[in-house]
């Protein structure tokens, strides 16, 4: 089931972060603790073979957020996941953000 796969992803993200500050589609009312990882379903990718769907992977937008600009979240997350691309880094509200596209 896809929900089981998402929960596996959640646990793996907690492991990479080293804490439980991992949030799946958090509402605006949630007070996050940093460093944190926020992720949401972005889209999916289907692979076809012999004219039928062979494999489907969900794509998640993952953002690592940290007050410390020196943490190398790009390396930590890329090392932990096989199908992951670093998208960009930026600063907002005095917090450093690293965005990834992750197929799981």
N, C-alpha and C. Protein backbone atom coordinates (compact mmCIF):
# COMPACT_ATOMS: atom_id res chain seq x y z
N UNK A 1 0.83 -1.19 0.00
CA UNK A 1 0.00 0.00 0.00
C UNK A 1 0.87 1.25 0.00
N UNK A 2 0.36 2.29 -0.65
CA UNK A 2 1.12 3.53 -0.75
C UNK A 2 1.31 4.20 0.61
N UNK A 3 0.31 4.08 1.51
CA UNK A 3 0.46 4.69 2.83
C UNK A 3 1.61 4.04 3.61
N UNK A 4 1.76 2.72 3.49
CA UNK A 4 2.88 2.04 4.13
C UNK A 4 4.21 2.54 3.58
N UNK A 5 4.27 2.77 2.27
CA UNK A 5 5.49 3.28 1.65
C UNK A 5 5.80 4.69 2.16
N UNK A 6 4.76 5.51 2.30
CA UNK A 6 4.99 6.86 2.80
C UNK A 6 5.48 6.83 4.24
N UNK A 7 4.95 5.93 5.04
CA UNK A 7 5.41 5.81 6.43
C UNK A 7 6.86 5.34 6.48
N UNK A 8 7.25 4.46 5.56
CA UNK A 8 8.66 4.05 5.46
C UNK A 8 9.53 5.26 5.13
N UNK A 9 9.07 6.08 4.19
CA UNK A 9 9.80 7.29 3.83
C UNK A 9 9.92 8.21 5.04
N UNK A 10 8.84 8.37 5.77
CA UNK A 10 8.83 9.22 6.96
C UNK A 10 9.90 8.76 7.96
N UNK A 11 9.94 7.47 8.22
CA UNK A 11 10.92 6.93 9.16
C UNK A 11 12.36 7.13 8.67
N UNK A 12 12.56 6.97 7.37
CA UNK A 12 13.90 7.16 6.81
C UNK A 12 14.32 8.63 6.93
N UNK A 13 13.38 9.55 6.70
CA UNK A 13 13.69 10.97 6.85
C UNK A 13 14.01 11.32 8.30
N UNK A 14 13.29 10.71 9.24
CA UNK A 14 13.60 10.91 10.67
C UNK A 14 15.00 10.42 10.99
N UNK A 15 15.37 9.30 10.40
CA UNK A 15 16.71 8.73 10.60
C UNK A 15 17.78 9.68 10.07
N UNK A 16 17.57 10.22 8.87
CA UNK A 16 18.54 11.14 8.27
C UNK A 16 18.65 12.41 9.11
N UNK A 17 17.52 12.93 9.59
CA UNK A 17 17.51 14.15 10.38
C UNK A 17 18.08 13.93 11.77
N UNK A 18 17.87 12.73 12.30
CA UNK A 18 18.34 12.44 13.66
C UNK A 18 17.37 12.89 14.72
N UNK A 19 16.12 13.17 14.33
CA UNK A 19 15.07 13.55 15.28
C UNK A 19 13.71 13.27 14.65
N UNK A 20 12.65 13.53 15.40
CA UNK A 20 11.28 13.31 14.92
C UNK A 20 10.68 14.59 14.34
N UNK A 21 11.49 15.60 14.07
CA UNK A 21 11.00 16.87 13.52
C UNK A 21 10.79 16.77 12.01
N UNK A 22 10.05 15.75 11.60
CA UNK A 22 9.74 15.53 10.19
C UNK A 22 8.23 15.68 10.06
N UNK A 23 7.81 16.50 9.08
CA UNK A 23 6.40 16.86 8.95
C UNK A 23 5.90 16.56 7.55
N UNK A 24 4.80 15.81 7.46
CA UNK A 24 4.16 15.51 6.18
C UNK A 24 2.98 16.46 6.00
N UNK A 25 3.06 17.33 5.01
CA UNK A 25 2.01 18.29 4.70
C UNK A 25 1.47 18.97 5.95
N UNK A 26 2.33 19.64 6.72
CA UNK A 26 1.86 20.24 7.98
C UNK A 26 0.93 21.43 7.73
N UNK A 27 -0.13 21.54 8.53
CA UNK A 27 -0.97 22.74 8.42
C UNK A 27 -0.22 23.95 8.96
N UNK A 28 -0.67 25.13 8.63
CA UNK A 28 0.01 26.35 9.05
C UNK A 28 0.02 26.52 10.56
N UNK A 29 -0.88 25.86 11.26
CA UNK A 29 -0.97 26.00 12.71
C UNK A 29 0.10 25.21 13.46
N UNK A 30 0.80 24.32 12.77
CA UNK A 30 1.83 23.52 13.42
C UNK A 30 3.07 24.37 13.70
N UNK A 31 3.53 24.33 14.93
CA UNK A 31 4.75 25.04 15.33
C UNK A 31 5.92 24.07 15.15
N UNK A 32 6.71 24.30 14.13
CA UNK A 32 7.82 23.38 13.83
C UNK A 32 9.03 23.69 14.70
N UNK A 33 9.77 22.61 14.99
CA UNK A 33 11.05 22.73 15.69
C UNK A 33 12.15 22.47 14.66
N UNK A 34 13.26 23.24 14.77
CA UNK A 34 14.33 23.14 13.78
C UNK A 34 15.58 22.55 14.39
N UNK A 35 16.36 21.84 13.61
CA UNK A 35 16.19 21.56 12.19
C UNK A 35 14.97 20.66 11.95
N UNK A 36 14.44 20.77 10.75
CA UNK A 36 13.23 20.01 10.39
C UNK A 36 13.29 19.60 8.93
N UNK A 37 12.47 18.63 8.62
CA UNK A 37 12.25 18.24 7.23
C UNK A 37 10.74 18.27 7.00
N UNK A 38 10.33 18.94 5.93
CA UNK A 38 8.94 19.03 5.53
C UNK A 38 8.82 18.39 4.15
N UNK A 39 7.80 17.58 3.96
CA UNK A 39 7.63 16.97 2.64
C UNK A 39 6.16 16.83 2.29
N UNK A 40 5.90 16.78 0.99
CA UNK A 40 4.53 16.57 0.51
C UNK A 40 4.59 15.87 -0.85
N UNK A 41 3.49 15.23 -1.18
CA UNK A 41 3.38 14.55 -2.46
C UNK A 41 3.36 15.59 -3.56
N UNK A 42 4.20 15.41 -4.55
CA UNK A 42 4.30 16.37 -5.64
C UNK A 42 3.65 15.83 -6.91
N UNK A 43 4.06 14.67 -7.35
CA UNK A 43 3.48 14.02 -8.53
C UNK A 43 3.93 12.57 -8.55
N UNK A 44 3.84 11.93 -9.67
CA UNK A 44 4.28 10.54 -9.77
C UNK A 44 4.91 10.28 -11.12
N UNK A 45 5.53 9.14 -11.22
CA UNK A 45 6.17 8.76 -12.48
C UNK A 45 5.86 7.30 -12.75
N UNK A 46 5.36 7.05 -13.94
CA UNK A 46 5.05 5.69 -14.35
C UNK A 46 6.05 5.24 -15.41
N UNK A 47 6.50 4.02 -15.29
CA UNK A 47 7.40 3.43 -16.28
C UNK A 47 6.63 2.32 -16.97
N UNK A 48 6.70 2.33 -18.29
CA UNK A 48 5.94 1.37 -19.09
C UNK A 48 6.87 0.35 -19.74
N UNK A 49 6.36 -0.86 -19.88
CA UNK A 49 7.04 -1.92 -20.61
C UNK A 49 5.97 -2.82 -21.21
N UNK A 50 6.18 -3.26 -22.43
CA UNK A 50 5.20 -4.13 -23.12
C UNK A 50 3.81 -3.52 -23.13
N UNK A 51 3.74 -2.21 -23.37
CA UNK A 51 2.48 -1.47 -23.48
C UNK A 51 1.62 -1.49 -22.22
N UNK A 52 2.23 -1.64 -21.07
CA UNK A 52 1.46 -1.55 -19.83
C UNK A 52 2.34 -0.94 -18.74
N UNK A 53 1.69 -0.47 -17.71
CA UNK A 53 2.40 0.15 -16.60
C UNK A 53 3.23 -0.91 -15.88
N UNK A 54 4.52 -0.67 -15.78
CA UNK A 54 5.43 -1.63 -15.17
C UNK A 54 5.79 -1.23 -13.74
N UNK A 55 5.96 0.06 -13.52
CA UNK A 55 6.39 0.54 -12.21
C UNK A 55 5.87 1.95 -12.01
N UNK A 56 5.42 2.23 -10.81
CA UNK A 56 4.96 3.58 -10.46
C UNK A 56 5.67 4.03 -9.20
N UNK A 57 6.22 5.23 -9.24
CA UNK A 57 6.88 5.82 -8.08
C UNK A 57 6.27 7.18 -7.81
N UNK A 58 5.98 7.43 -6.55
CA UNK A 58 5.51 8.75 -6.15
C UNK A 58 6.70 9.69 -6.01
N UNK A 59 6.46 10.93 -6.37
CA UNK A 59 7.48 11.95 -6.25
C UNK A 59 7.10 12.88 -5.11
N UNK A 60 8.02 13.06 -4.18
CA UNK A 60 7.80 13.94 -3.04
C UNK A 60 8.71 15.15 -3.13
N UNK A 61 8.16 16.32 -2.79
CA UNK A 61 8.97 17.53 -2.64
C UNK A 61 9.41 17.55 -1.19
N UNK A 62 10.71 17.54 -0.96
CA UNK A 62 11.28 17.45 0.38
C UNK A 62 12.11 18.71 0.63
N UNK A 63 11.90 19.33 1.80
CA UNK A 63 12.65 20.53 2.15
C UNK A 63 13.27 20.35 3.53
N UNK A 64 14.59 20.45 3.60
CA UNK A 64 15.29 20.46 4.88
C UNK A 64 15.40 21.92 5.29
N UNK A 65 15.07 22.21 6.55
CA UNK A 65 15.07 23.59 7.05
C UNK A 65 15.93 23.63 8.31
N UNK A 66 16.86 24.56 8.34
CA UNK A 66 17.80 24.63 9.46
C UNK A 66 18.21 26.08 9.70
N UNK A 67 18.42 26.43 10.96
CA UNK A 67 18.92 27.77 11.30
C UNK A 67 20.39 27.90 10.93
N UNK A 68 21.10 26.78 10.93
CA UNK A 68 22.54 26.76 10.66
C UNK A 68 22.80 26.62 9.15
N UNK A 69 23.43 27.62 8.52
CA UNK A 69 23.69 27.53 7.09
C UNK A 69 24.85 26.60 6.73
N UNK A 70 25.61 26.16 7.72
CA UNK A 70 26.79 25.34 7.47
C UNK A 70 26.50 23.84 7.35
N UNK A 71 25.30 23.42 7.74
CA UNK A 71 24.95 21.99 7.66
C UNK A 71 24.82 21.61 6.18
N UNK A 72 25.40 20.51 5.80
CA UNK A 72 25.40 20.08 4.40
C UNK A 72 24.24 19.12 4.14
N UNK A 73 23.02 19.68 4.19
CA UNK A 73 21.83 18.85 3.98
C UNK A 73 21.80 18.25 2.59
N UNK A 74 22.35 18.94 1.63
CA UNK A 74 22.36 18.38 0.27
C UNK A 74 23.09 17.04 0.26
N UNK A 75 24.25 16.97 0.88
CA UNK A 75 25.01 15.71 0.91
C UNK A 75 24.31 14.65 1.76
N UNK A 76 23.78 15.03 2.91
CA UNK A 76 23.12 14.07 3.80
C UNK A 76 21.93 13.40 3.12
N UNK A 77 21.09 14.18 2.48
CA UNK A 77 19.89 13.62 1.87
C UNK A 77 20.22 12.87 0.58
N UNK A 78 21.11 13.42 -0.23
CA UNK A 78 21.49 12.73 -1.46
C UNK A 78 22.17 11.39 -1.17
N UNK A 79 22.94 11.32 -0.10
CA UNK A 79 23.59 10.06 0.27
C UNK A 79 22.58 9.03 0.78
N UNK A 80 21.48 9.48 1.33
CA UNK A 80 20.51 8.56 1.94
C UNK A 80 19.50 7.98 0.95
N UNK A 81 19.31 8.65 -0.20
CA UNK A 81 18.27 8.23 -1.14
C UNK A 81 18.83 8.06 -2.54
N UNK A 82 18.43 6.99 -3.16
CA UNK A 82 18.95 6.65 -4.49
C UNK A 82 18.34 7.53 -5.59
N UNK A 83 17.04 7.76 -5.52
CA UNK A 83 16.35 8.51 -6.57
C UNK A 83 15.97 9.89 -6.04
N UNK A 84 16.97 10.73 -5.92
CA UNK A 84 16.78 12.05 -5.32
C UNK A 84 17.62 13.07 -6.07
N UNK A 85 17.04 14.25 -6.30
CA UNK A 85 17.75 15.36 -6.95
C UNK A 85 17.69 16.59 -6.06
N UNK A 86 18.82 17.25 -5.92
CA UNK A 86 18.86 18.53 -5.22
C UNK A 86 18.33 19.59 -6.18
N UNK A 87 17.33 20.35 -5.75
CA UNK A 87 16.71 21.35 -6.62
C UNK A 87 17.29 22.74 -6.43
N UNK A 88 17.30 23.21 -5.17
CA UNK A 88 17.83 24.55 -4.93
C UNK A 88 17.94 24.80 -3.43
N UNK A 89 18.65 25.86 -3.09
CA UNK A 89 18.77 26.30 -1.70
C UNK A 89 18.38 27.77 -1.65
N UNK A 90 17.76 28.17 -0.54
CA UNK A 90 17.39 29.57 -0.37
C UNK A 90 17.21 29.88 1.11
N UNK A 91 17.15 31.16 1.43
CA UNK A 91 16.94 31.62 2.80
C UNK A 91 15.61 32.36 2.85
N UNK A 92 14.78 32.03 3.85
CA UNK A 92 13.51 32.72 4.08
C UNK A 92 13.27 32.78 5.57
N UNK A 93 12.85 33.92 6.06
CA UNK A 93 12.58 34.12 7.50
C UNK A 93 13.77 33.72 8.37
N UNK A 94 14.97 34.03 7.91
CA UNK A 94 16.21 33.69 8.62
C UNK A 94 16.42 32.19 8.82
N UNK A 95 15.80 31.40 7.97
CA UNK A 95 15.98 29.94 7.99
C UNK A 95 16.52 29.51 6.63
N UNK A 96 17.44 28.57 6.64
CA UNK A 96 18.04 28.03 5.42
C UNK A 96 17.22 26.85 4.95
N UNK A 97 16.90 26.83 3.66
CA UNK A 97 16.08 25.77 3.07
C UNK A 97 16.87 25.07 1.96
N UNK A 98 16.80 23.76 1.94
CA UNK A 98 17.37 22.94 0.87
C UNK A 98 16.23 22.11 0.31
N UNK A 99 15.94 22.26 -0.98
CA UNK A 99 14.81 21.55 -1.60
C UNK A 99 15.29 20.41 -2.49
N UNK A 100 14.54 19.31 -2.39
CA UNK A 100 14.86 18.09 -3.13
C UNK A 100 13.61 17.55 -3.81
N UNK A 101 13.83 16.81 -4.88
CA UNK A 101 12.79 16.04 -5.52
C UNK A 101 13.16 14.58 -5.30
N UNK A 102 12.27 13.83 -4.68
CA UNK A 102 12.58 12.47 -4.24
C UNK A 102 11.54 11.48 -4.75
N UNK A 103 11.99 10.48 -5.50
CA UNK A 103 11.09 9.41 -5.93
C UNK A 103 11.18 8.28 -4.93
N UNK A 104 10.02 7.85 -4.45
CA UNK A 104 9.97 6.79 -3.44
C UNK A 104 8.89 5.80 -3.77
